[in-house]
Amino acid sequence: FRSALLLGYRQGPIYPNLIAAEEQMRGLTQVMPWINMSDAAPMYVGEAETIPLGAISYGSKSFRIYKIGRGIKLSDEVVQYASLNLVSIFMRDFGVKLGHATDVLALAAITNGEQADGSESAPTIGVASSGTLAYSDLLKIWVRMGRMGRVPNTIVAGETASATILNLTEFKTPVSGSPLASITLKSPVPGASNLFVHGNVASNQQIILDPAGAVIKFNGWPLKVESERIVSNQTEAFYVTLQTGFAKLFRD
């Protein structure tokens, strides 16, 4: 059962493609540093003048990890007469759902941050024409993130928005011939993007991120499978739990 569960858990989730790293927790709460360099821009300095000091605010933030899990109860009749392959298929599907639940935690950390006051929420950028997504809207974000040294090669969207993105002319129409003049773009605008579809993204939103600077996954204990025998009703119960949480690395 454990191997079937792990098979589903590892093949279903998208969070491994969205995180910068994984860290092991030493307790239920974790302290993580943050740095704000918004007032550290270089200044003109004249001859023999005192170099002005910028302000870099820094500190720490704390957050919690959570235990998620579910149980299943099998009667002796199921174990005795049903194919174990069928039960394994169920456990694998259960693993897929567990992976989806972990994805939800990751997406919540990416969009809203892990702080209760919303201070770590992601910046929101509107489209040029309300209710309509154009290639120029994506290009605006790509160029801006490229100027900040980010590589925005990952998009997460719902089913409807993903279909809209895939239906953009720039993504589906092949280009032939060559332009009159050539230009080499030096900002890291992605030549290809990974598009992940997830139901927990609003239909009118898309998440564009650089996984290297997005969130970190913190692990308490790994996937734990336990069982107990209940003799009074001749059933066997299996319980699956794991401890995990996500924290924002960089807000940009």
C-alpha atoms as a PDB file:
ATOM      1  CA  PHE A   1       0.000   0.000   0.000  1.00  0.00           C
ATOM      2  CA  ARG A   2       2.819   2.390   0.868  1.00  0.00           C
ATOM      3  CA  SER A   3       4.550   1.904  -2.488  1.00  0.00           C
ATOM      4  CA  ALA A   4       1.278   2.506  -4.354  1.00  0.00           C
ATOM      5  CA  LEU A   5       0.631   5.608  -2.272  1.00  0.00           C
ATOM      6  CA  LEU A   6       4.114   6.991  -2.945  1.00  0.00           C
ATOM      7  CA  LEU A   7       3.718   6.300  -6.653  1.00  0.00           C
ATOM      8  CA  GLY A   8       0.626   8.498  -6.822  1.00  0.00           C
ATOM      9  CA  TYR A   9       2.108  11.171  -4.548  1.00  0.00           C
ATOM     10  CA  ARG A  10       5.226  11.548  -6.656  1.00  0.00           C
ATOM     11  CA  GLN A  11       3.622  11.522 -10.096  1.00  0.00           C
ATOM     12  CA  GLY A  12       0.760  13.931  -9.456  1.00  0.00           C
ATOM     13  CA  PRO A  13       1.939  17.183  -7.811  1.00  0.00           C
ATOM     14  CA  ILE A  14       3.420  20.200  -9.555  1.00  0.00           C
ATOM     15  CA  TYR A  15       5.005  21.834  -6.494  1.00  0.00           C
ATOM     16  CA  PRO A  16       8.505  20.361  -7.151  1.00  0.00           C
ATOM     17  CA  ASN A  17       8.598  22.581 -10.261  1.00  0.00           C
ATOM     18  CA  LEU A  18       7.645  25.727  -8.314  1.00  0.00           C
ATOM     19  CA  ILE A  19       9.985  25.703  -5.318  1.00  0.00           C
ATOM     20  CA  ALA A  20      13.548  26.910  -4.869  1.00  0.00           C
ATOM     21  CA  ALA A  21      14.597  24.284  -2.317  1.00  0.00           C
ATOM     22  CA  GLU A  22      13.492  21.960   0.474  1.00  0.00           C
ATOM     23  CA  GLU A  23      14.593  22.283   4.090  1.00  0.00           C
ATOM     24  CA  GLN A  24      14.147  20.052   7.100  1.00  0.00           C
ATOM     25  CA  MET A  25      12.309  21.588  10.044  1.00  0.00           C
ATOM     26  CA  ARG A  26      13.505  21.234  13.630  1.00  0.00           C
ATOM     27  CA  GLY A  27      10.155  22.154  15.133  1.00  0.00           C
ATOM     28  CA  LEU A  28       6.626  23.246  14.289  1.00  0.00           C
ATOM     29  CA  THR A  29       7.730  26.854  13.746  1.00  0.00           C
ATOM     30  CA  GLN A  30      10.571  28.162  11.621  1.00  0.00           C
ATOM     31  CA  VAL A  31      12.356  31.507  11.673  1.00  0.00           C
ATOM     32  CA  MET A  32      13.364  32.748   8.226  1.00  0.00           C
ATOM     33  CA  PRO A  33      15.286  35.948   7.330  1.00  0.00           C
ATOM     34  CA  TRP A  34      13.978  38.645   5.021  1.00  0.00           C
ATOM     35  CA  ILE A  35      15.809  41.618   3.458  1.00  0.00           C
ATOM     36  CA  ASN A  36      14.337  44.767   1.913  1.00  0.00           C
ATOM     37  CA  MET A  37      16.774  46.748  -0.264  1.00  0.00           C
ATOM     38  CA  SER A  38      14.266  49.307  -1.544  1.00  0.00           C
ATOM     39  CA  ASP A  39      16.230  52.322  -0.207  1.00  0.00           C
ATOM     40  CA  ALA A  40      19.710  51.221  -1.199  1.00  0.00           C
ATOM     41  CA  ALA A  41      19.982  52.860  -4.628  1.00  0.00           C
ATOM     42  CA  PRO A  42      23.419  54.286  -5.550  1.00  0.00           C
ATOM     43  CA  MET A  43      23.838  58.081  -5.236  1.00  0.00           C
ATOM     44  CA  TYR A  44      26.108  60.620  -6.880  1.00  0.00           C
ATOM     45  CA  VAL A  45      29.141  61.329  -4.720  1.00  0.00           C
ATOM     46  CA  GLY A  46      31.226  64.423  -5.314  1.00  0.00           C
ATOM     47  CA  GLU A  47      34.938  64.774  -4.724  1.00  0.00           C
ATOM     48  CA  ALA A  48      35.811  64.518  -1.017  1.00  0.00           C
ATOM     49  CA  GLU A  49      32.135  64.246  -0.129  1.00  0.00           C
ATOM     50  CA  THR A  50      30.820  61.858   2.460  1.00  0.00           C
ATOM     51  CA  ILE A  51      29.321  58.760   0.876  1.00  0.00           C
ATOM     52  CA  PRO A  52      25.593  58.699   1.731  1.00  0.00           C
ATOM     53  CA  LEU A  53      24.223  55.705   3.572  1.00  0.00           C
ATOM     54  CA  GLY A  54      21.343  53.712   2.210  1.00  0.00           C
ATOM     55  CA  ALA A  55      18.805  51.870   4.334  1.00  0.00           C
ATOM     56  CA  ILE A  56      18.523  48.117   4.118  1.00  0.00           C
ATOM     57  CA  SER A  57      15.855  46.787   6.423  1.00  0.00           C
ATOM     58  CA  TYR A  58      16.178  43.224   7.538  1.00  0.00           C
ATOM     59  CA  GLY A  59      14.749  40.961  10.150  1.00  0.00           C
ATOM     60  CA  SER A  60      13.115  37.606  10.566  1.00  0.00           C
ATOM     61  CA  LYS A  61       9.692  36.134  10.071  1.00  0.00           C
ATOM     62  CA  SER A  62       8.226  32.991  11.538  1.00  0.00           C
ATOM     63  CA  PHE A  63       5.641  30.589  10.219  1.00  0.00           C
ATOM     64  CA  ARG A  64       4.195  27.179  10.993  1.00  0.00           C
ATOM     65  CA  ILE A  65       4.079  23.900   9.180  1.00  0.00           C
ATOM     66  CA  TYR A  66       0.961  21.780   9.267  1.00  0.00           C
ATOM     67  CA  LYS A  67       0.081  18.133   9.389  1.00  0.00           C
ATOM     68  CA  ILE A  68      -2.186  16.876   6.633  1.00  0.00           C
ATOM     69  CA  GLY A  69      -3.526  13.364   6.252  1.00  0.00           C
ATOM     70  CA  ARG A  70      -6.407  10.998   5.800  1.00  0.00           C
ATOM     71  CA  GLY A  71      -7.366   7.458   6.733  1.00  0.00           C
ATOM     72  CA  ILE A  72      -9.005   4.508   5.023  1.00  0.00           C
ATOM     73  CA  LYS A  73     -10.715   1.502   6.602  1.00  0.00           C
ATOM     74  CA  LEU A  74     -10.801  -1.891   4.896  1.00  0.00           C
ATOM     75  CA  SER A  75     -12.933  -4.790   6.025  1.00  0.00           C
ATOM     76  CA  ASP A  76     -11.614  -8.341   6.126  1.00  0.00           C
ATOM     77  CA  GLU A  77     -13.941  -9.160   3.237  1.00  0.00           C
ATOM     78  CA  VAL A  78     -12.272  -6.530   1.059  1.00  0.00           C
ATOM     79  CA  VAL A  79      -8.808  -7.759   1.962  1.00  0.00           C
ATOM     80  CA  GLN A  80      -9.782 -11.396   1.508  1.00  0.00           C
ATOM     81  CA  TYR A  81     -11.870 -11.308  -1.666  1.00  0.00           C
ATOM     82  CA  ALA A  82     -10.991  -8.089  -3.541  1.00  0.00           C
ATOM     83  CA  SER A  83      -7.954  -7.893  -5.751  1.00  0.00           C
ATOM     84  CA  LEU A  84      -5.065  -6.226  -4.007  1.00  0.00           C
ATOM     85  CA  ASN A  85      -4.315  -4.513  -7.306  1.00  0.00           C
ATOM     86  CA  LEU A  86      -7.664  -2.711  -7.044  1.00  0.00           C
ATOM     87  CA  VAL A  87      -6.873  -1.578  -3.524  1.00  0.00           C
ATOM     88  CA  SER A  88      -3.441  -0.412  -4.707  1.00  0.00           C
ATOM     89  CA  ILE A  89      -5.087   1.618  -7.464  1.00  0.00           C
ATOM     90  CA  PHE A  90      -7.232   3.314  -4.838  1.00  0.00           C
ATOM     91  CA  MET A  91      -4.179   4.043  -2.692  1.00  0.00           C
ATOM     92  CA  ARG A  92      -2.339   5.456  -5.706  1.00  0.00           C
ATOM     93  CA  ASP A  93      -5.286   7.772  -6.415  1.00  0.00           C
ATOM     94  CA  PHE A  94      -5.247   8.760  -2.759  1.00  0.00           C
ATOM     95  CA  GLY A  95      -1.563   9.627  -3.184  1.00  0.00           C
ATOM     96  CA  VAL A  96      -2.403  11.820  -6.183  1.00  0.00           C
ATOM     97  CA  LYS A  97      -4.974  13.726  -4.092  1.00  0.00           C
ATOM     98  CA  LEU A  98      -2.403  14.132  -1.325  1.00  0.00           C
ATOM     99  CA  GLY A  99      -0.037  15.629  -3.874  1.00  0.00           C
ATOM    100  CA  HIS A 100      -2.748  18.016  -5.041  1.00  0.00           C
ATOM    101  CA  ALA A 101      -3.297  19.112  -1.440  1.00  0.00           C
ATOM    102  CA  THR A 102       0.412  19.888  -1.167  1.00  0.00           C
ATOM    103  CA  ASP A 103       0.146  21.894  -4.396  1.00  0.00           C
ATOM    104  CA  VAL A 104      -2.620  23.968  -2.812  1.00  0.00           C
ATOM    105  CA  LEU A 105      -0.321  24.848   0.103  1.00  0.00           C
ATOM    106  CA  ALA A 106       2.439  25.862  -2.316  1.00  0.00           C
ATOM    107  CA  LEU A 107       0.157  28.034  -4.461  1.00  0.00           C
ATOM    108  CA  ALA A 108      -1.282  29.708  -1.367  1.00  0.00           C
ATOM    109  CA  ALA A 109       2.235  30.612  -0.219  1.00  0.00           C
ATOM    110  CA  ILE A 110       3.152  31.929  -3.678  1.00  0.00           C
ATOM    111  CA  THR A 111       0.066  34.135  -4.046  1.00  0.00           C
ATOM    112  CA  ASN A 112      -0.761  35.163  -0.481  1.00  0.00           C
ATOM    113  CA  GLY A 113       2.461  34.464   1.385  1.00  0.00           C
ATOM    114  CA  GLU A 114       2.578  32.689   4.705  1.00  0.00           C
ATOM    115  CA  GLN A 115       1.983  35.710   6.961  1.00  0.00           C
ATOM    116  CA  ALA A 116      -1.489  36.305   8.397  1.00  0.00           C
ATOM    117  CA  ASP A 117      -1.384  40.035   7.591  1.00  0.00           C
ATOM    118  CA  GLY A 118      -0.791  39.419   3.875  1.00  0.00           C
ATOM    119  CA  SER A 119       2.530  41.295   3.898  1.00  0.00           C
ATOM    120  CA  GLU A 120       4.153  38.570   1.782  1.00  0.00           C
ATOM    121  CA  SER A 121       1.473  38.480  -0.910  1.00  0.00           C
ATOM    122  CA  ALA A 122       2.662  38.535  -4.512  1.00  0.00           C
ATOM    123  CA  PRO A 123       2.396  41.752  -6.561  1.00  0.00           C
ATOM    124  CA  THR A 124      -0.605  41.817  -8.891  1.00  0.00           C
ATOM    125  CA  ILE A 125      -0.332  43.303 -12.390  1.00  0.00           C
ATOM    126  CA  GLY A 126      -3.411  44.019 -14.493  1.00  0.00           C
ATOM    127  CA  VAL A 127      -3.873  43.474 -18.221  1.00  0.00           C
ATOM    128  CA  ALA A 128      -3.987  46.328 -20.732  1.00  0.00           C
ATOM    129  CA  SER A 129      -7.538  45.502 -21.831  1.00  0.00           C
ATOM    130  CA  SER A 130      -9.871  44.434 -19.039  1.00  0.00           C
ATOM    131  CA  GLY A 131     -11.003  40.831 -19.325  1.00  0.00           C
ATOM    132  CA  THR A 132      -8.684  40.058 -22.253  1.00  0.00           C
ATOM    133  CA  LEU A 133      -5.242  38.478 -22.056  1.00  0.00           C
ATOM    134  CA  ALA A 134      -2.791  39.473 -24.797  1.00  0.00           C
ATOM    135  CA  TYR A 135       0.757  38.373 -25.492  1.00  0.00           C
ATOM    136  CA  SER A 136       1.934  41.907 -24.671  1.00  0.00           C
ATOM    137  CA  ASP A 137       0.584  41.464 -21.120  1.00  0.00           C
ATOM    138  CA  LEU A 138       2.845  38.464 -20.590  1.00  0.00           C
ATOM    139  CA  LEU A 139       5.739  40.216 -22.320  1.00  0.00           C
ATOM    140  CA  LYS A 140       5.446  43.188 -19.967  1.00  0.00           C
ATOM    141  CA  ILE A 141       5.903  40.936 -16.941  1.00  0.00           C
ATOM    142  CA  TRP A 142       8.693  38.928 -18.582  1.00  0.00           C
ATOM    143  CA  VAL A 143      10.671  42.067 -19.379  1.00  0.00           C
ATOM    144  CA  ARG A 144      10.159  43.522 -15.899  1.00  0.00           C
ATOM    145  CA  MET A 145      11.195  40.310 -14.151  1.00  0.00           C
ATOM    146  CA  GLY A 146      14.131  39.964 -16.526  1.00  0.00           C
ATOM    147  CA  ARG A 147      15.374  43.405 -15.467  1.00  0.00           C
ATOM    148  CA  MET A 148      15.263  42.203 -11.857  1.00  0.00           C
ATOM    149  CA  GLY A 149      17.410  39.199 -12.718  1.00  0.00           C
ATOM    150  CA  ARG A 150      14.564  36.708 -12.582  1.00  0.00           C
ATOM    151  CA  VAL A 151      13.908  34.039 -15.190  1.00  0.00           C
ATOM    152  CA  PRO A 152      10.092  33.904 -15.461  1.00  0.00           C
ATOM    153  CA  ASN A 153       9.925  30.565 -17.247  1.00  0.00           C
ATOM    154  CA  THR A 154       6.974  29.140 -15.283  1.00  0.00           C
ATOM    155  CA  ILE A 155       3.256  29.917 -15.562  1.00  0.00           C
ATOM    156  CA  VAL A 156       0.506  28.404 -13.402  1.00  0.00           C
ATOM    157  CA  ALA A 157      -3.098  28.918 -14.482  1.00  0.00           C
ATOM    158  CA  GLY A 158      -6.527  27.341 -14.326  1.00  0.00           C
ATOM    159  CA  GLU A 159      -8.062  25.379 -17.164  1.00  0.00           C
ATOM    160  CA  THR A 160      -9.808  28.314 -18.847  1.00  0.00           C
ATOM    161  CA  ALA A 161      -6.841  30.654 -18.594  1.00  0.00           C
ATOM    162  CA  SER A 162      -4.459  27.926 -19.788  1.00  0.00           C
ATOM    163  CA  ALA A 163      -6.604  27.396 -22.875  1.00  0.00           C
ATOM    164  CA  THR A 164      -6.517  31.160 -23.498  1.00  0.00           C
ATOM    165  CA  ILE A 165      -2.728  31.243 -23.234  1.00  0.00           C
ATOM    166  CA  LEU A 166      -2.283  28.256 -25.517  1.00  0.00           C
ATOM    167  CA  ASN A 167      -4.663  29.863 -28.026  1.00  0.00           C
ATOM    168  CA  LEU A 168      -2.658  33.091 -28.316  1.00  0.00           C
ATOM    169  CA  THR A 169      -1.430  33.599 -31.867  1.00  0.00           C
ATOM    170  CA  GLU A 170       2.157  34.061 -30.712  1.00  0.00           C
ATOM    171  CA  PHE A 171       2.190  30.573 -29.194  1.00  0.00           C
ATOM    172  CA  LYS A 172       0.418  28.592 -31.904  1.00  0.00           C
ATOM    173  CA  THR A 173       1.279  30.257 -35.249  1.00  0.00           C
ATOM    174  CA  PRO A 174       4.625  29.314 -36.834  1.00  0.00           C
ATOM    175  CA  VAL A 175       6.829  32.132 -38.072  1.00  0.00           C
ATOM    176  CA  SER A 176       8.432  31.998 -41.523  1.00  0.00           C
ATOM    177  CA  GLY A 177      10.917  34.325 -43.186  1.00  0.00           C
ATOM    178  CA  SER A 178      13.199  36.773 -41.415  1.00  0.00           C
ATOM    179  CA  PRO A 179      12.634  40.341 -40.218  1.00  0.00           C
ATOM    180  CA  LEU A 180      14.101  43.373 -41.955  1.00  0.00           C
ATOM    181  CA  ALA A 181      16.477  44.005 -39.075  1.00  0.00           C
ATOM    182  CA  SER A 182      17.643  41.801 -36.244  1.00  0.00           C
ATOM    183  CA  ILE A 183      17.738  42.577 -32.556  1.00  0.00           C
ATOM    184  CA  THR A 184      19.223  40.563 -29.717  1.00  0.00           C
ATOM    185  CA  LEU A 185      17.333  40.846 -26.443  1.00  0.00           C
ATOM    186  CA  LYS A 186      19.757  40.626 -23.515  1.00  0.00           C
ATOM    187  CA  SER A 187      17.227  40.597 -20.685  1.00  0.00           C
ATOM    188  CA  PRO A 188      16.369  36.989 -19.744  1.00  0.00           C
ATOM    189  CA  VAL A 189      12.954  36.841 -21.381  1.00  0.00           C
ATOM    190  CA  PRO A 190      12.166  33.127 -21.706  1.00  0.00           C
ATOM    191  CA  GLY A 191      12.161  31.571 -25.133  1.00  0.00           C
ATOM    192  CA  ALA A 192       9.986  28.808 -23.705  1.00  0.00           C
ATOM    193  CA  SER A 193       7.748  28.656 -20.640  1.00  0.00           C
ATOM    194  CA  ASN A 194       6.406  25.763 -18.608  1.00  0.00           C
ATOM    195  CA  LEU A 195       2.617  25.993 -18.241  1.00  0.00           C
ATOM    196  CA  PHE A 196       1.064  24.106 -15.336  1.00  0.00           C
ATOM    197  CA  VAL A 197      -2.703  23.726 -15.005  1.00  0.00           C
ATOM    198  CA  HIS A 198      -4.189  23.763 -11.515  1.00  0.00           C
ATOM    199  CA  GLY A 199      -7.739  24.212 -10.307  1.00  0.00           C
ATOM    200  CA  ASN A 200      -6.805  26.423  -7.356  1.00  0.00           C
ATOM    201  CA  VAL A 201      -5.807  29.363  -9.535  1.00  0.00           C
ATOM    202  CA  ALA A 202      -8.617  31.837 -10.191  1.00  0.00           C
ATOM    203  CA  SER A 203     -10.054  31.780 -13.708  1.00  0.00           C
ATOM    204  CA  ASN A 204      -9.010  35.388 -14.349  1.00  0.00           C
ATOM    205  CA  GLN A 205      -5.476  35.032 -12.952  1.00  0.00           C
ATOM    206  CA  GLN A 206      -2.156  33.532 -13.974  1.00  0.00           C
ATOM    207  CA  ILE A 207       0.892  33.101 -11.773  1.00  0.00           C
ATOM    208  CA  ILE A 208       4.195  33.931 -13.461  1.00  0.00           C
ATOM    209  CA  LEU A 209       7.261  33.127 -11.422  1.00  0.00           C
ATOM    210  CA  ASP A 210      10.916  32.235 -11.308  1.00  0.00           C
ATOM    211  CA  PRO A 211      11.032  29.009  -9.276  1.00  0.00           C
ATOM    212  CA  ALA A 212      14.568  29.811  -8.087  1.00  0.00           C
ATOM    213  CA  GLY A 213      13.243  32.741  -6.040  1.00  0.00           C
ATOM    214  CA  ALA A 214       9.657  31.775  -5.254  1.00  0.00           C
ATOM    215  CA  VAL A 215       9.089  29.651  -2.150  1.00  0.00           C
ATOM    216  CA  ILE A 216      10.886  27.077  -0.027  1.00  0.00           C
ATOM    217  CA  LYS A 217       9.254  23.845   1.092  1.00  0.00           C
ATOM    218  CA  PHE A 218       9.845  22.962   4.743  1.00  0.00           C
ATOM    219  CA  ASN A 219       9.406  19.369   5.846  1.00  0.00           C
ATOM    220  CA  GLY A 220       8.557  18.091   9.308  1.00  0.00           C
ATOM    221  CA  TRP A 221       8.289  14.348   9.036  1.00  0.00           C
ATOM    222  CA  PRO A 222       8.088  12.565   5.675  1.00  0.00           C
ATOM    223  CA  LEU A 223       5.105  10.637   4.382  1.00  0.00           C
ATOM    224  CA  LYS A 224       4.041   8.324   7.212  1.00  0.00           C
ATOM    225  CA  VAL A 225       1.797   5.280   6.698  1.00  0.00           C
ATOM    226  CA  GLU A 226       0.441   3.589   9.839  1.00  0.00           C
ATOM    227  CA  SER A 227      -2.167   0.914  10.393  1.00  0.00           C
ATOM    228  CA  GLU A 228      -4.248  -0.541  13.184  1.00  0.00           C
ATOM    229  CA  ARG A 229      -6.302  -3.698  13.548  1.00  0.00           C
ATOM    230  CA  ILE A 230      -9.841  -3.314  14.959  1.00  0.00           C
ATOM    231  CA  VAL A 231     -10.891  -6.784  16.018  1.00  0.00           C
ATOM    232  CA  SER A 232     -14.412  -5.862  17.164  1.00  0.00           C
ATOM    233  CA  ASN A 233     -15.625  -5.186  13.611  1.00  0.00           C
ATOM    234  CA  GLN A 234     -12.885  -7.049  11.741  1.00  0.00           C
ATOM    235  CA  THR A 235     -11.477  -4.085   9.877  1.00  0.00           C
ATOM    236  CA  GLU A 236      -8.035  -2.711   9.301  1.00  0.00           C
ATOM    237  CA  ALA A 237      -7.468   1.029   9.132  1.00  0.00           C
ATOM    238  CA  PHE A 238      -4.622   2.791   7.358  1.00  0.00           C
ATOM    239  CA  TYR A 239      -3.630   6.358   8.174  1.00  0.00           C
ATOM    240  CA  VAL A 240      -1.456   8.586   6.014  1.00  0.00           C
ATOM    241  CA  THR A 241       0.054  11.835   7.317  1.00  0.00           C
ATOM    242  CA  LEU A 242       2.860  14.227   6.505  1.00  0.00           C
ATOM    243  CA  GLN A 243       4.092  17.502   7.960  1.00  0.00           C
ATOM    244  CA  THR A 244       4.962  20.256   5.531  1.00  0.00           C
ATOM    245  CA  GLY A 245       4.654  23.954   4.797  1.00  0.00           C
ATOM    246  CA  PHE A 246       5.852  26.622   2.355  1.00  0.00           C
ATOM    247  CA  ALA A 247       7.408  30.039   2.938  1.00  0.00           C
ATOM    248  CA  LYS A 248       7.988  32.924   0.549  1.00  0.00           C
ATOM    249  CA  LEU A 249      11.634  33.433  -0.396  1.00  0.00           C
ATOM    250  CA  PHE A 250      11.461  36.670  -2.404  1.00  0.00           C
ATOM    251  CA  ARG A 251       8.294  38.716  -2.864  1.00  0.00           C
ATOM    252  CA  ASP A 252       9.244  39.850  -6.380  1.00  0.00           C
END
